[in-house]
Amino acid sequence: MTSDKAQDYWKANLRLVMGCLAVWFVVSFLFGVFLVDVLNTISIGGYKLGFWFAQQGSIYTFVVLVFFYASQMNKLDRKFDVHED
C-alpha cells in the first residue's frame, strides 16, 4: 500500500471512530447525565426516558455501535484492499 493510500485509510478509520465515540458520548453522557431531568418528562412504556437512557439506552447503543463499527470497517478494508481473505 502506498503512503498516500495508507494515510487515506487511517483518516477514514479515525473519522469512523470519532463518529462512533461522538454518538456514544451523546447517548451515555449527555442523555444519561446532563439531560436526564428534561428526558424524564417523557415516559415510554411506564419508564421515564432519562432513566432508561441512563440504565439501558447507553448499553444498547454501545452494542449497536460495535456491530456498526465492525461492518463499516469491513467495507473500509475492502475499499482499500487490506481485508482478510
Protein backbone atom coordinates (compact mmCIF):
# COMPACT_ATOMS: atom_id res chain seq x y z
CA MET A 1 0.00 0.00 0.00
CA THR A 2 1.34 3.41 -0.92
CA SER A 3 1.89 6.08 1.70
CA ASP A 4 -0.95 8.26 0.39
CA LYS A 5 -3.36 5.33 0.36
CA ALA A 6 -2.33 4.36 3.90
CA GLN A 7 -2.93 7.92 5.10
CA ASP A 8 -6.36 7.97 3.46
CA TYR A 9 -7.19 4.65 5.11
CA TRP A 10 -6.26 5.88 8.58
CA LYS A 11 -8.07 9.18 8.08
CA ALA A 12 -11.24 7.27 7.16
CA ASN A 13 -10.70 4.93 10.11
CA LEU A 14 -10.26 7.82 12.56
CA ARG A 15 -13.31 9.58 11.13
CA LEU A 16 -15.37 6.45 11.76
CA VAL A 17 -14.01 6.03 15.30
CA MET A 18 -14.65 9.68 16.17
CA GLY A 19 -18.20 9.46 14.83
CA CYS A 20 -18.93 6.36 16.91
CA LEU A 21 -17.41 7.94 20.01
CA ALA A 22 -19.46 11.10 19.49
CA VAL A 23 -22.69 9.10 19.29
CA TRP A 24 -21.73 7.09 22.37
CA PHE A 25 -20.86 10.30 24.29
CA VAL A 26 -24.16 11.95 23.41
CA VAL A 27 -26.25 8.92 24.38
CA SER A 28 -24.41 7.87 27.52
CA PHE A 29 -23.13 11.12 28.99
CA LEU A 30 -25.45 13.84 27.74
CA PHE A 31 -28.71 11.85 27.71
CA GLY A 32 -27.88 9.79 30.78
CA VAL A 33 -26.40 12.53 32.99
CA PHE A 34 -26.94 16.12 31.87
CA LEU A 35 -30.30 15.91 30.11
CA VAL A 36 -31.83 13.29 32.40
CA ASP A 37 -34.28 15.74 34.02
CA VAL A 38 -35.51 17.01 30.67
CA LEU A 39 -35.86 13.49 29.28
CA ASN A 40 -37.65 12.28 32.41
CA THR A 41 -40.66 14.38 31.40
CA ILE A 42 -41.18 11.83 28.59
CA SER A 43 -42.47 8.39 29.55
CA ILE A 44 -42.27 5.34 27.30
CA GLY A 45 -43.71 2.04 28.46
CA GLY A 46 -44.11 3.33 32.00
CA TYR A 47 -40.45 4.28 32.36
CA LYS A 48 -39.02 7.76 32.30
CA LEU A 49 -36.88 8.25 29.22
CA GLY A 50 -33.94 9.79 31.11
CA PHE A 51 -33.83 6.82 33.47
CA TRP A 52 -33.98 4.42 30.52
CA PHE A 53 -31.04 6.11 28.77
CA ALA A 54 -29.00 6.11 31.97
CA GLN A 55 -29.69 2.45 32.77
CA GLN A 56 -30.08 0.67 29.44
CA GLY A 57 -30.09 3.01 26.48
CA SER A 58 -26.36 3.66 26.58
CA ILE A 59 -25.63 -0.08 26.77
CA TYR A 60 -27.90 -0.87 23.80
CA THR A 61 -26.35 1.98 21.85
CA PHE A 62 -22.85 0.68 22.61
CA VAL A 63 -23.74 -2.82 21.36
CA VAL A 64 -25.25 -1.39 18.17
CA LEU A 65 -22.14 0.78 17.67
CA VAL A 66 -19.87 -2.26 17.99
CA PHE A 67 -21.70 -4.06 15.17
CA PHE A 68 -21.91 -0.86 13.11
CA TYR A 69 -18.16 -0.25 13.51
CA ALA A 70 -17.33 -3.83 12.53
CA SER A 71 -19.45 -3.67 9.38
CA GLN A 72 -18.10 -0.26 8.37
CA MET A 73 -14.50 -1.36 8.94
CA ASN A 74 -15.09 -4.42 6.76
CA LYS A 75 -16.30 -2.12 3.98
CA LEU A 76 -13.37 0.21 4.53
CA ASP A 77 -10.89 -2.67 4.47
CA ARG A 78 -12.31 -3.91 1.18
CA LYS A 79 -12.26 -0.41 -0.29
CA PHE A 80 -8.55 -0.04 0.49
CA ASP A 81 -7.78 -3.70 -0.25
CA VAL A 82 -6.48 -4.57 3.21
CA HIS A 83 -9.17 -7.10 4.07
CA GLU A 84 -8.56 -10.64 5.24
CA ASP A 85 -9.47 -13.47 2.94
